[in-house]
């Protein structure tokens, strides 16, 4: 009797939650999937080996990826092109997409979702051909990521000193920006591009009501001094953002373009890259199939 093929499970072993598991990670993952009734081919990898491992499983009906949002973002583009369904193990530092989809942090429970959850299609964002699952940003955040990576110790511990370093050397960038066919010059310390619309209201900061509206959202922060930016961040975190005061642009569209020449520093799902200008942003409607809990509010 023929056996069903093993489900490939590719895990970035250096992710925040994965590395905290230490030598127990493989044992825990294998046990969790066995209990969920799934036979797996587990591959614990370094981040630099992700693309190679994804190439090896091209065309598999289901590919499980463990890591943070950066790892999932890199995998999402490959799996969308091959038609594979994505199963998510939240093994990064923050795991925003997993939390948004209602996928539990507990590895055994996450394995059960992959085994018995339902499938939905979600949009992806694209920046110069690079895929993102959550957001892309130009300016302040990408500099914060780079400064944080230079700090010793865990990411969460380096965030505050990195933010202090960046804010005191901040300058607004002049962007030649076209959104939905409307072109304007925009001077801003931060342009945030979301895969679908992000909430700014109290208690829902960073959440999205939909992942399949077929649009990107754009938030351009008004030029501010470091103290004014800190005050704006506090207003947003407490649900008191004032769009007219805090943002130069707040809109949605299927695509946008930043003009110019050379290369631009940009953060994609928390990972910094340098992409050539002009830089095209596009929504890729319902490009990826992903497994979510049966009770997930997303359709």
C-alpha atoms as a PDB file:
ATOM      1  CA  UNK A   1       0.000   0.000   0.000  1.00  0.00           C
ATOM      2  CA  UNK A   2       1.369   3.421  -1.010  1.00  0.00           C
ATOM      3  CA  UNK A   3       2.197   5.825   1.779  1.00  0.00           C
ATOM      4  CA  UNK A   4       1.206   9.497   1.712  1.00  0.00           C
ATOM      5  CA  UNK A   5       4.207  11.781   1.117  1.00  0.00           C
ATOM      6  CA  UNK A   6       5.715  13.416   4.172  1.00  0.00           C
ATOM      7  CA  UNK A   7       4.699  17.053   4.745  1.00  0.00           C
ATOM      8  CA  UNK A   8       7.777  19.318   4.452  1.00  0.00           C
ATOM      9  CA  UNK A   9       8.257  21.443   7.564  1.00  0.00           C
ATOM     10  CA  UNK A  10      10.948  24.111   7.142  1.00  0.00           C
ATOM     11  CA  UNK A  11      11.926  25.930  10.334  1.00  0.00           C
ATOM     12  CA  UNK A  12      14.246  28.900  10.738  1.00  0.00           C
ATOM     13  CA  UNK A  13      16.010  27.622  13.843  1.00  0.00           C
ATOM     14  CA  UNK A  14      17.441  31.077  14.649  1.00  0.00           C
ATOM     15  CA  UNK A  15      13.985  32.692  15.025  1.00  0.00           C
ATOM     16  CA  UNK A  16      13.201  34.226  18.410  1.00  0.00           C
ATOM     17  CA  UNK A  17      10.859  31.520  19.720  1.00  0.00           C
ATOM     18  CA  UNK A  18      12.642  28.700  17.859  1.00  0.00           C
ATOM     19  CA  UNK A  19      16.063  29.485  19.315  1.00  0.00           C
ATOM     20  CA  UNK A  20      14.557  29.673  22.809  1.00  0.00           C
ATOM     21  CA  UNK A  21      13.523  26.013  22.459  1.00  0.00           C
ATOM     22  CA  UNK A  22      17.171  25.010  22.061  1.00  0.00           C
ATOM     23  CA  UNK A  23      17.893  21.316  21.529  1.00  0.00           C
ATOM     24  CA  UNK A  24      14.275  20.397  22.343  1.00  0.00           C
ATOM     25  CA  UNK A  25      12.875  22.046  19.219  1.00  0.00           C
ATOM     26  CA  UNK A  26      13.011  19.049  16.850  1.00  0.00           C
ATOM     27  CA  UNK A  27      11.613  16.698  19.490  1.00  0.00           C
ATOM     28  CA  UNK A  28       8.736  19.037  20.315  1.00  0.00           C
ATOM     29  CA  UNK A  29       7.828  19.610  16.670  1.00  0.00           C
ATOM     30  CA  UNK A  30       7.899  15.926  15.761  1.00  0.00           C
ATOM     31  CA  UNK A  31       5.788  15.024  18.793  1.00  0.00           C
ATOM     32  CA  UNK A  32       3.278  17.791  18.056  1.00  0.00           C
ATOM     33  CA  UNK A  33       2.694  16.695  14.478  1.00  0.00           C
ATOM     34  CA  UNK A  34       2.517  12.997  15.402  1.00  0.00           C
ATOM     35  CA  UNK A  35      -0.193  13.874  17.962  1.00  0.00           C
ATOM     36  CA  UNK A  36      -2.005  15.856  15.237  1.00  0.00           C
ATOM     37  CA  UNK A  37      -1.881  12.818  12.929  1.00  0.00           C
ATOM     38  CA  UNK A  38       0.605  14.197  10.403  1.00  0.00           C
ATOM     39  CA  UNK A  39       3.821  12.628   9.123  1.00  0.00           C
ATOM     40  CA  UNK A  40       6.443  15.307   8.458  1.00  0.00           C
ATOM     41  CA  UNK A  41       9.861  15.822   6.949  1.00  0.00           C
ATOM     42  CA  UNK A  42      11.395  18.299   9.409  1.00  0.00           C
ATOM     43  CA  UNK A  43      14.206  20.585   8.242  1.00  0.00           C
ATOM     44  CA  UNK A  44      15.809  22.905  10.807  1.00  0.00           C
ATOM     45  CA  UNK A  45      17.736  25.486   8.805  1.00  0.00           C
ATOM     46  CA  UNK A  46      19.727  28.688   9.003  1.00  0.00           C
ATOM     47  CA  UNK A  47      18.070  31.752   7.374  1.00  0.00           C
ATOM     48  CA  UNK A  48      20.511  31.683   4.466  1.00  0.00           C
ATOM     49  CA  UNK A  49      19.325  28.205   3.461  1.00  0.00           C
ATOM     50  CA  UNK A  50      15.629  29.112   3.221  1.00  0.00           C
ATOM     51  CA  UNK A  51      15.467  29.738  -0.532  1.00  0.00           C
ATOM     52  CA  UNK A  52      17.313  26.501  -1.304  1.00  0.00           C
ATOM     53  CA  UNK A  53      14.974  24.456   0.900  1.00  0.00           C
ATOM     54  CA  UNK A  54      11.892  26.084  -0.623  1.00  0.00           C
ATOM     55  CA  UNK A  55      13.175  25.247  -4.113  1.00  0.00           C
ATOM     56  CA  UNK A  56      13.469  21.596  -3.049  1.00  0.00           C
ATOM     57  CA  UNK A  57       9.769  21.390  -2.142  1.00  0.00           C
ATOM     58  CA  UNK A  58       8.383  23.330  -5.115  1.00  0.00           C
ATOM     59  CA  UNK A  59       4.999  21.949  -6.067  1.00  0.00           C
ATOM     60  CA  UNK A  60       4.271  20.207  -2.757  1.00  0.00           C
ATOM     61  CA  UNK A  61       0.559  20.622  -1.952  1.00  0.00           C
ATOM     62  CA  UNK A  62       1.322  21.837   1.581  1.00  0.00           C
ATOM     63  CA  UNK A  63       4.497  23.385   2.967  1.00  0.00           C
ATOM     64  CA  UNK A  64       4.781  24.287   6.650  1.00  0.00           C
ATOM     65  CA  UNK A  65       7.131  27.161   7.507  1.00  0.00           C
ATOM     66  CA  UNK A  66       8.271  28.025  11.015  1.00  0.00           C
ATOM     67  CA  UNK A  67       9.745  31.420  11.804  1.00  0.00           C
ATOM     68  CA  UNK A  68       8.857  35.063  12.173  1.00  0.00           C
ATOM     69  CA  UNK A  69       7.214  37.437   9.720  1.00  0.00           C
ATOM     70  CA  UNK A  70      10.408  37.980   7.747  1.00  0.00           C
ATOM     71  CA  UNK A  71      10.789  34.237   7.164  1.00  0.00           C
ATOM     72  CA  UNK A  72       7.113  33.851   6.266  1.00  0.00           C
ATOM     73  CA  UNK A  73       7.304  36.805   3.887  1.00  0.00           C
ATOM     74  CA  UNK A  74      10.251  35.304   2.029  1.00  0.00           C
ATOM     75  CA  UNK A  75       8.482  31.949   1.808  1.00  0.00           C
ATOM     76  CA  UNK A  76       5.104  33.384   0.777  1.00  0.00           C
ATOM     77  CA  UNK A  77       6.246  34.597  -2.641  1.00  0.00           C
ATOM     78  CA  UNK A  78       7.793  31.241  -3.534  1.00  0.00           C
ATOM     79  CA  UNK A  79       4.779  29.239  -2.361  1.00  0.00           C
ATOM     80  CA  UNK A  80       2.303  31.551  -4.100  1.00  0.00           C
ATOM     81  CA  UNK A  81       4.121  31.036  -7.412  1.00  0.00           C
ATOM     82  CA  UNK A  82       4.231  27.252  -7.000  1.00  0.00           C
ATOM     83  CA  UNK A  83       0.610  26.967  -5.833  1.00  0.00           C
ATOM     84  CA  UNK A  84       1.515  25.391  -2.473  1.00  0.00           C
ATOM     85  CA  UNK A  85      -0.591  26.027   0.625  1.00  0.00           C
ATOM     86  CA  UNK A  86       1.235  27.604   3.582  1.00  0.00           C
ATOM     87  CA  UNK A  87       0.989  26.186   7.096  1.00  0.00           C
ATOM     88  CA  UNK A  88       2.378  28.508   9.782  1.00  0.00           C
ATOM     89  CA  UNK A  89       4.368  27.727  12.921  1.00  0.00           C
ATOM     90  CA  UNK A  90       4.826  30.999  14.880  1.00  0.00           C
ATOM     91  CA  UNK A  91       8.500  30.662  15.806  1.00  0.00           C
ATOM     92  CA  UNK A  92       9.781  34.213  15.375  1.00  0.00           C
ATOM     93  CA  UNK A  93      10.057  37.109  17.805  1.00  0.00           C
ATOM     94  CA  UNK A  94       6.711  38.854  17.267  1.00  0.00           C
ATOM     95  CA  UNK A  95       4.702  36.663  14.837  1.00  0.00           C
ATOM     96  CA  UNK A  96       2.286  39.395  13.736  1.00  0.00           C
ATOM     97  CA  UNK A  97       0.686  37.453  10.862  1.00  0.00           C
ATOM     98  CA  UNK A  98       0.141  34.332  12.965  1.00  0.00           C
ATOM     99  CA  UNK A  99      -1.479  36.410  15.703  1.00  0.00           C
ATOM    100  CA  UNK A 100      -3.657  38.195  13.141  1.00  0.00           C
ATOM    101  CA  UNK A 101      -4.870  34.872  11.734  1.00  0.00           C
ATOM    102  CA  UNK A 102      -5.552  33.434  15.191  1.00  0.00           C
ATOM    103  CA  UNK A 103      -2.825  30.772  15.007  1.00  0.00           C
ATOM    104  CA  UNK A 104      -1.843  29.839  18.589  1.00  0.00           C
ATOM    105  CA  UNK A 105       1.670  30.304  19.961  1.00  0.00           C
ATOM    106  CA  UNK A 106       1.639  26.806  21.449  1.00  0.00           C
ATOM    107  CA  UNK A 107       3.375  24.464  18.983  1.00  0.00           C
ATOM    108  CA  UNK A 108       1.082  21.496  19.607  1.00  0.00           C
ATOM    109  CA  UNK A 109      -1.986  23.677  19.040  1.00  0.00           C
ATOM    110  CA  UNK A 110      -0.438  25.200  15.902  1.00  0.00           C
ATOM    111  CA  UNK A 111       0.177  21.683  14.539  1.00  0.00           C
ATOM    112  CA  UNK A 112      -3.478  20.835  15.174  1.00  0.00           C
ATOM    113  CA  UNK A 113      -4.536  23.923  13.211  1.00  0.00           C
ATOM    114  CA  UNK A 114      -2.389  22.805  10.266  1.00  0.00           C
ATOM    115  CA  UNK A 115      -3.910  19.326  10.440  1.00  0.00           C
ATOM    116  CA  UNK A 116      -7.563  20.324  10.870  1.00  0.00           C
ATOM    117  CA  UNK A 117      -7.918  24.030  10.063  1.00  0.00           C
ATOM    118  CA  UNK A 118      -9.560  25.543   7.021  1.00  0.00           C
ATOM    119  CA  UNK A 119      -7.956  27.135   3.985  1.00  0.00           C
ATOM    120  CA  UNK A 120      -8.328  30.745   2.940  1.00  0.00           C
ATOM    121  CA  UNK A 121      -6.732  32.925   0.309  1.00  0.00           C
ATOM    122  CA  UNK A 122      -4.980  36.155   1.280  1.00  0.00           C
ATOM    123  CA  UNK A 123      -3.427  39.068  -0.557  1.00  0.00           C
ATOM    124  CA  UNK A 124       0.300  39.658  -0.688  1.00  0.00           C
ATOM    125  CA  UNK A 125       2.140  42.929  -1.222  1.00  0.00           C
ATOM    126  CA  UNK A 126       5.017  43.385  -3.647  1.00  0.00           C
ATOM    127  CA  UNK A 127       7.823  45.974  -3.563  1.00  0.00           C
ATOM    128  CA  UNK A 128      10.045  45.822  -6.632  1.00  0.00           C
ATOM    129  CA  UNK A 129       9.237  42.129  -6.965  1.00  0.00           C
ATOM    130  CA  UNK A 130       9.963  41.383  -3.284  1.00  0.00           C
ATOM    131  CA  UNK A 131       6.904  39.991  -1.516  1.00  0.00           C
ATOM    132  CA  UNK A 132       5.688  41.117   1.908  1.00  0.00           C
ATOM    133  CA  UNK A 133       2.879  39.686   4.035  1.00  0.00           C
ATOM    134  CA  UNK A 134       2.364  42.515   6.533  1.00  0.00           C
ATOM    135  CA  UNK A 135       3.982  45.782   5.548  1.00  0.00           C
ATOM    136  CA  UNK A 136       6.838  47.660   3.961  1.00  0.00           C
ATOM    137  CA  UNK A 137       8.284  50.951   5.149  1.00  0.00           C
ATOM    138  CA  UNK A 138      10.698  53.618   3.975  1.00  0.00           C
ATOM    139  CA  UNK A 139      12.603  55.869   6.343  1.00  0.00           C
ATOM    140  CA  UNK A 140      12.472  55.740  10.129  1.00  0.00           C
ATOM    141  CA  UNK A 141      11.615  52.072  10.631  1.00  0.00           C
ATOM    142  CA  UNK A 142      14.261  50.651   8.297  1.00  0.00           C
ATOM    143  CA  UNK A 143      16.900  52.727  10.110  1.00  0.00           C
ATOM    144  CA  UNK A 144      15.583  51.474  13.434  1.00  0.00           C
ATOM    145  CA  UNK A 145      15.896  47.855  12.266  1.00  0.00           C
ATOM    146  CA  UNK A 146      19.501  48.382  11.137  1.00  0.00           C
ATOM    147  CA  UNK A 147      20.421  50.168  14.367  1.00  0.00           C
ATOM    148  CA  UNK A 148      18.782  47.416  16.447  1.00  0.00           C
ATOM    149  CA  UNK A 149      20.706  44.716  14.569  1.00  0.00           C
ATOM    150  CA  UNK A 150      23.968  46.417  15.567  1.00  0.00           C
ATOM    151  CA  UNK A 151      23.012  46.271  19.234  1.00  0.00           C
ATOM    152  CA  UNK A 152      24.273  43.270  21.236  1.00  0.00           C
ATOM    153  CA  UNK A 153      21.769  40.868  22.760  1.00  0.00           C
ATOM    154  CA  UNK A 154      18.150  40.060  21.890  1.00  0.00           C
ATOM    155  CA  UNK A 155      16.122  42.240  19.506  1.00  0.00           C
ATOM    156  CA  UNK A 156      13.593  43.337  22.132  1.00  0.00           C
ATOM    157  CA  UNK A 157      16.377  44.556  24.408  1.00  0.00           C
ATOM    158  CA  UNK A 158      17.989  46.638  21.654  1.00  0.00           C
ATOM    159  CA  UNK A 159      14.805  48.388  20.495  1.00  0.00           C
ATOM    160  CA  UNK A 160      14.832  51.339  22.925  1.00  0.00           C
ATOM    161  CA  UNK A 161      18.518  52.313  22.537  1.00  0.00           C
ATOM    162  CA  UNK A 162      18.198  51.844  18.766  1.00  0.00           C
ATOM    163  CA  UNK A 163      15.142  54.135  18.674  1.00  0.00           C
ATOM    164  CA  UNK A 164      16.996  56.784  20.696  1.00  0.00           C
ATOM    165  CA  UNK A 165      19.974  56.581  18.327  1.00  0.00           C
ATOM    166  CA  UNK A 166      17.806  56.875  15.190  1.00  0.00           C
ATOM    167  CA  UNK A 167      15.535  59.693  16.431  1.00  0.00           C
ATOM    168  CA  UNK A 168      18.507  61.922  17.226  1.00  0.00           C
ATOM    169  CA  UNK A 169      19.857  61.537  13.685  1.00  0.00           C
ATOM    170  CA  UNK A 170      16.510  61.707  11.934  1.00  0.00           C
ATOM    171  CA  UNK A 171      15.839  63.581   8.718  1.00  0.00           C
ATOM    172  CA  UNK A 172      12.786  63.507   6.460  1.00  0.00           C
ATOM    173  CA  UNK A 173      13.156  62.079   2.950  1.00  0.00           C
ATOM    174  CA  UNK A 174      11.779  63.744  -0.162  1.00  0.00           C
ATOM    175  CA  UNK A 175       9.832  61.115  -2.108  1.00  0.00           C
ATOM    176  CA  UNK A 176       8.495  61.338  -5.656  1.00  0.00           C
ATOM    177  CA  UNK A 177       5.357  59.331  -4.933  1.00  0.00           C
ATOM    178  CA  UNK A 178       2.509  58.272  -7.233  1.00  0.00           C
ATOM    179  CA  UNK A 179      -0.511  56.579  -5.632  1.00  0.00           C
ATOM    180  CA  UNK A 180      -3.448  55.483  -7.748  1.00  0.00           C
ATOM    181  CA  UNK A 181      -2.276  57.663 -10.640  1.00  0.00           C
ATOM    182  CA  UNK A 182      -1.880  60.838  -8.519  1.00  0.00           C
ATOM    183  CA  UNK A 183       1.697  62.101  -8.302  1.00  0.00           C
ATOM    184  CA  UNK A 184       3.071  64.289  -5.535  1.00  0.00           C
ATOM    185  CA  UNK A 185       6.347  65.196  -3.857  1.00  0.00           C
ATOM    186  CA  UNK A 186       6.257  64.210  -0.231  1.00  0.00           C
ATOM    187  CA  UNK A 187       8.741  65.005   2.525  1.00  0.00           C
ATOM    188  CA  UNK A 188       8.332  62.454   5.305  1.00  0.00           C
ATOM    189  CA  UNK A 189      10.412  60.624   7.928  1.00  0.00           C
ATOM    190  CA  UNK A 190       8.322  57.480   7.422  1.00  0.00           C
ATOM    191  CA  UNK A 191       6.208  56.036   4.610  1.00  0.00           C
ATOM    192  CA  UNK A 192       4.342  52.919   5.737  1.00  0.00           C
ATOM    193  CA  UNK A 193       2.752  50.590   3.162  1.00  0.00           C
ATOM    194  CA  UNK A 194       0.365  47.966   4.541  1.00  0.00           C
ATOM    195  CA  UNK A 195      -0.890  44.779   2.937  1.00  0.00           C
ATOM    196  CA  UNK A 196      -4.549  45.879   3.284  1.00  0.00           C
ATOM    197  CA  UNK A 197      -5.682  48.578   5.706  1.00  0.00           C
ATOM    198  CA  UNK A 198      -4.301  48.825   9.249  1.00  0.00           C
ATOM    199  CA  UNK A 199      -6.406  50.104  12.133  1.00  0.00           C
ATOM    200  CA  UNK A 200      -5.198  53.110  14.129  1.00  0.00           C
ATOM    201  CA  UNK A 201      -7.989  53.240  16.704  1.00  0.00           C
ATOM    202  CA  UNK A 202      -7.714  52.367  20.374  1.00  0.00           C
ATOM    203  CA  UNK A 203      -7.350  48.686  21.214  1.00  0.00           C
ATOM    204  CA  UNK A 204      -6.931  47.644  17.572  1.00  0.00           C
ATOM    205  CA  UNK A 205      -3.584  49.193  16.656  1.00  0.00           C
ATOM    206  CA  UNK A 206      -1.833  47.150  13.991  1.00  0.00           C
ATOM    207  CA  UNK A 207      -4.842  44.928  13.255  1.00  0.00           C
ATOM    208  CA  UNK A 208      -6.529  44.434   9.886  1.00  0.00           C
ATOM    209  CA  UNK A 209     -10.191  43.705   9.243  1.00  0.00           C
ATOM    210  CA  UNK A 210      -9.405  42.006   5.950  1.00  0.00           C
ATOM    211  CA  UNK A 211      -6.469  40.370   4.211  1.00  0.00           C
ATOM    212  CA  UNK A 212      -8.243  40.090   0.863  1.00  0.00           C
ATOM    213  CA  UNK A 213      -9.500  43.571  -0.098  1.00  0.00           C
ATOM    214  CA  UNK A 214      -7.094  43.816  -3.038  1.00  0.00           C
ATOM    215  CA  UNK A 215      -5.493  47.074  -1.858  1.00  0.00           C
ATOM    216  CA  UNK A 216      -2.416  48.448  -0.150  1.00  0.00           C
ATOM    217  CA  UNK A 217      -2.718  51.135   2.518  1.00  0.00           C
ATOM    218  CA  UNK A 218      -0.379  54.137   2.659  1.00  0.00           C
ATOM    219  CA  UNK A 219       0.506  56.189   5.735  1.00  0.00           C
ATOM    220  CA  UNK A 220       2.996  59.051   5.353  1.00  0.00           C
ATOM    221  CA  UNK A 221       4.043  60.668   8.630  1.00  0.00           C
ATOM    222  CA  UNK A 222       4.288  64.457   8.744  1.00  0.00           C
ATOM    223  CA  UNK A 223       7.796  65.900   9.385  1.00  0.00           C
ATOM    224  CA  UNK A 224       8.413  66.139  13.119  1.00  0.00           C
ATOM    225  CA  UNK A 225      11.142  66.736  15.674  1.00  0.00           C
ATOM    226  CA  UNK A 226      12.257  63.669  17.668  1.00  0.00           C
ATOM    227  CA  UNK A 227      10.075  64.678  20.649  1.00  0.00           C
ATOM    228  CA  UNK A 228       7.073  65.292  18.388  1.00  0.00           C
ATOM    229  CA  UNK A 229       7.553  61.847  16.814  1.00  0.00           C
ATOM    230  CA  UNK A 230       7.615  60.267  20.269  1.00  0.00           C
ATOM    231  CA  UNK A 231       4.420  62.103  21.146  1.00  0.00           C
ATOM    232  CA  UNK A 232       2.810  60.925  17.905  1.00  0.00           C
ATOM    233  CA  UNK A 233       3.845  57.324  18.646  1.00  0.00           C
ATOM    234  CA  UNK A 234       2.224  57.596  22.081  1.00  0.00           C
ATOM    235  CA  UNK A 235      -0.980  58.967  20.535  1.00  0.00           C
ATOM    236  CA  UNK A 236      -1.120  56.066  18.083  1.00  0.00           C
ATOM    237  CA  UNK A 237      -0.393  53.442  20.761  1.00  0.00           C
ATOM    238  CA  UNK A 238      -3.170  54.826  22.969  1.00  0.00           C
ATOM    239  CA  UNK A 239      -5.672  54.997  20.099  1.00  0.00           C
ATOM    240  CA  UNK A 240      -5.635  58.806  19.910  1.00  0.00           C
ATOM    241  CA  UNK A 241      -4.017  59.266  16.485  1.00  0.00           C
ATOM    242  CA  UNK A 242      -5.118  62.426  14.697  1.00  0.00           C
ATOM    243  CA  UNK A 243      -4.948  61.738  10.922  1.00  0.00           C
ATOM    244  CA  UNK A 244      -5.149  65.420   9.985  1.00  0.00           C
ATOM    245  CA  UNK A 245      -2.301  66.268  12.371  1.00  0.00           C
ATOM    246  CA  UNK A 246      -0.059  63.216  12.200  1.00  0.00           C
ATOM    247  CA  UNK A 247      -0.193  62.134   8.545  1.00  0.00           C
ATOM    248  CA  UNK A 248       0.488  63.801   5.205  1.00  0.00           C
ATOM    249  CA  UNK A 249      -1.249  60.973   3.371  1.00  0.00           C
ATOM    250  CA  UNK A 250      -3.632  58.277   4.516  1.00  0.00           C
ATOM    251  CA  UNK A 251      -5.159  56.333   1.656  1.00  0.00           C
ATOM    252  CA  UNK A 252      -5.558  52.965  -0.075  1.00  0.00           C
ATOM    253  CA  UNK A 253      -4.866  51.891  -3.657  1.00  0.00           C
ATOM    254  CA  UNK A 254      -3.917  48.728  -5.553  1.00  0.00           C
ATOM    255  CA  UNK A 255      -0.510  50.127  -6.538  1.00  0.00           C
ATOM    256  CA  UNK A 256       1.979  52.952  -6.110  1.00  0.00           C
ATOM    257  CA  UNK A 257       5.373  54.055  -7.348  1.00  0.00           C
ATOM    258  CA  UNK A 258       8.366  55.868  -5.860  1.00  0.00           C
ATOM    259  CA  UNK A 259      10.350  57.559  -8.612  1.00  0.00           C
ATOM    260  CA  UNK A 260      14.040  58.333  -8.767  1.00  0.00           C
ATOM    261  CA  UNK A 261      17.373  56.686  -9.477  1.00  0.00           C
ATOM    262  CA  UNK A 262      19.801  54.608  -7.451  1.00  0.00           C
ATOM    263  CA  UNK A 263      18.657  52.337  -4.623  1.00  0.00           C
ATOM    264  CA  UNK A 264      16.353  52.818  -1.656  1.00  0.00           C
ATOM    265  CA  UNK A 265      16.588  51.359   1.832  1.00  0.00           C
ATOM    266  CA  UNK A 266      13.316  49.650   2.703  1.00  0.00           C
ATOM    267  CA  UNK A 267      12.070  47.344   5.463  1.00  0.00           C
ATOM    268  CA  UNK A 268       9.898  44.405   4.376  1.00  0.00           C
ATOM    269  CA  UNK A 269       8.203  42.558   7.238  1.00  0.00           C
ATOM    270  CA  UNK A 270      10.969  43.802   9.526  1.00  0.00           C
ATOM    271  CA  UNK A 271      13.905  42.841   7.266  1.00  0.00           C
ATOM    272  CA  UNK A 272      15.890  45.582   5.524  1.00  0.00           C
ATOM    273  CA  UNK A 273      16.825  45.459   1.842  1.00  0.00           C
ATOM    274  CA  UNK A 274      18.091  47.976  -0.724  1.00  0.00           C
ATOM    275  CA  UNK A 275      15.904  47.991  -3.840  1.00  0.00           C
ATOM    276  CA  UNK A 276      16.427  49.883  -7.122  1.00  0.00           C
ATOM    277  CA  UNK A 277      14.433  52.988  -8.041  1.00  0.00           C
ATOM    278  CA  UNK A 278      11.943  53.570  -9.492  1.00  0.00           C
ATOM    279  CA  UNK A 279      10.209  51.237  -7.043  1.00  0.00           C
ATOM    280  CA  UNK A 280       6.797  49.756  -7.825  1.00  0.00           C
ATOM    281  CA  UNK A 281       4.402  48.627  -5.080  1.00  0.00           C
ATOM    282  CA  UNK A 282       1.544  46.298  -6.007  1.00  0.00           C
ATOM    283  CA  UNK A 283      -1.141  44.313  -4.272  1.00  0.00           C
ATOM    284  CA  UNK A 284      -1.218  40.666  -5.384  1.00  0.00           C
ATOM    285  CA  UNK A 285      -4.894  39.806  -4.774  1.00  0.00           C
ATOM    286  CA  UNK A 286      -5.547  36.465  -3.057  1.00  0.00           C
ATOM    287  CA  UNK A 287      -2.168  35.200  -4.231  1.00  0.00           C
ATOM    288  CA  UNK A 288      -1.498  32.826  -1.316  1.00  0.00           C
ATOM    289  CA  UNK A 289      -3.520  30.020   0.256  1.00  0.00           C
ATOM    290  CA  UNK A 290      -2.922  29.654   3.994  1.00  0.00           C
ATOM    291  CA  UNK A 291      -4.339  27.394   6.713  1.00  0.00           C
ATOM    292  CA  UNK A 292      -6.161  29.166   9.544  1.00  0.00           C
ATOM    293  CA  UNK A 293      -8.157  27.947  12.569  1.00  0.00           C
ATOM    294  CA  UNK A 294     -11.693  26.841  11.720  1.00  0.00           C
ATOM    295  CA  UNK A 295     -13.040  29.633  13.938  1.00  0.00           C
ATOM    296  CA  UNK A 296     -10.888  32.399  12.348  1.00  0.00           C
ATOM    297  CA  UNK A 297     -12.859  35.564  11.590  1.00  0.00           C
ATOM    298  CA  UNK A 298     -11.131  35.959   8.225  1.00  0.00           C
ATOM    299  CA  UNK A 299     -12.948  34.554   5.190  1.00  0.00           C
END
